[in-house]
Each structure stands twice: as C-alpha cells, then as structure tokens.
Protein backbone atom coordinates (compact mmCIF):
# COMPACT_ATOMS: atom_id res chain seq x y z
CA MET A 1 135.58 106.66 131.00
CA LEU A 2 135.89 107.91 127.56
CA GLY A 3 133.47 110.99 126.13
CA THR A 4 136.06 113.55 124.47
CA TRP A 5 138.42 112.88 121.63
CA ASP A 6 140.85 114.81 123.76
CA ALA A 7 140.65 111.71 126.09
CA ILE A 8 141.82 109.01 123.66
CA ARG A 9 145.09 107.57 125.64
CA SER A 10 147.19 105.02 125.90
CA GLY A 11 143.95 101.64 127.47
CA SER A 12 141.18 103.40 125.97
CA LEU A 13 138.32 101.47 124.19
CA VAL A 14 137.19 103.13 120.81
CA LEU A 15 135.74 101.76 117.64
CA ALA A 16 137.92 101.33 114.14
CA THR A 17 137.16 99.54 110.63
CA THR A 18 139.03 97.81 108.37
CA GLY A 19 138.23 99.66 105.52
CA PRO A 20 134.86 102.26 103.98
CA MET A 21 132.23 99.44 103.41
CA GLU A 22 133.92 97.58 106.61
CA GLY A 23 131.77 97.11 109.78
CA TRP A 24 133.05 98.58 113.11
CA PHE A 25 135.32 96.96 116.13
CA GLU A 26 135.69 97.60 119.63
CA SER A 27 139.57 98.20 119.39
CA LEU A 28 141.53 98.60 122.74
CA VAL A 29 144.11 102.06 122.35
CA VAL A 30 148.00 99.92 123.05
CA ALA A 31 150.10 103.46 122.69
CA THR A 32 150.15 107.05 121.47
CA ARG A 33 152.09 107.73 118.13
CA ALA A 34 153.33 111.12 116.37
CA ASP A 35 150.95 113.31 114.28
CA GLU A 36 147.51 112.06 115.65
CA ARG A 37 148.42 107.88 115.43
CA PHE A 38 147.23 105.19 117.53
CA SER A 39 148.90 101.87 118.06
CA LEU A 40 145.70 99.55 117.97
CA ARG A 41 144.09 95.77 118.33
CA TRP A 42 141.03 94.64 118.33
CA ARG A 43 139.33 94.06 121.97
CA ASP A 44 138.15 90.48 120.64
CA TRP A 45 140.64 89.37 118.27
CA PRO A 46 143.85 89.53 120.76
CA GLU A 47 146.23 87.19 118.17
CA GLU A 48 145.45 89.69 115.35
CA PRO A 49 148.61 92.21 114.97
CA GLU A 50 148.44 95.89 116.00
CA PHE A 51 147.57 98.64 113.51
CA THR A 52 147.67 101.96 113.54
CA ARG A 53 144.88 104.58 112.84
CA ARG A 54 144.77 108.19 112.99
CA ARG A 55 142.26 110.02 115.01
CA ASP A 56 139.81 110.59 112.48
CA GLU A 57 139.79 106.87 111.71
CA LEU A 58 137.96 105.68 115.11
CA ALA A 59 134.47 106.33 116.17
CA LEU A 60 133.90 107.42 120.00
CA LEU A 61 131.79 104.68 121.74
CA HIS A 62 128.99 105.94 123.68
CA PRO A 63 129.53 107.44 127.11
CA ALA A 64 127.45 105.31 128.97
CA THR A 65 129.50 101.59 126.81
CA ASP A 66 130.80 99.56 129.32
CA PRO A 67 134.57 99.31 128.78
CA GLN A 68 134.74 95.53 130.61
CA GLY A 69 132.17 94.61 126.93
C-alpha cells in the first residue's frame, strides 16, 4: 500500500497525466531515477512507451485503493 511520497518505489501504482488539461491515469513505477524522477508505464496501456515524471508531477492514490484494479 502506498501512503506517502517517500513510499514510491518500483512497482508502486501512482497517478500521472499527459498534460495540464488532461485527465489523471494509473501508472506503474518501473524504476526510480536520479533527481526525484521515475520511469513509468501506463497501467491500462502497457503497449505505450515508458515515460518519466518528477515526483511533484505525480499524484498518490487513496491508501484504500486496490492496486490490482
């Protein structure tokens, strides 16, 4: 279960967006990178290429959320 920003690790489920006027979608953390960056992939669109976001560009799910969807 993910409840704090410091708990984000490889395998964590977080929310990410493609832009300021877009929705937020569940994403899986593939790897942590330097400078508070993460490699991610969309949970529901695994064929899409991996992408990176900074920690402050992610949102946490409610702790009661089932990560299996």
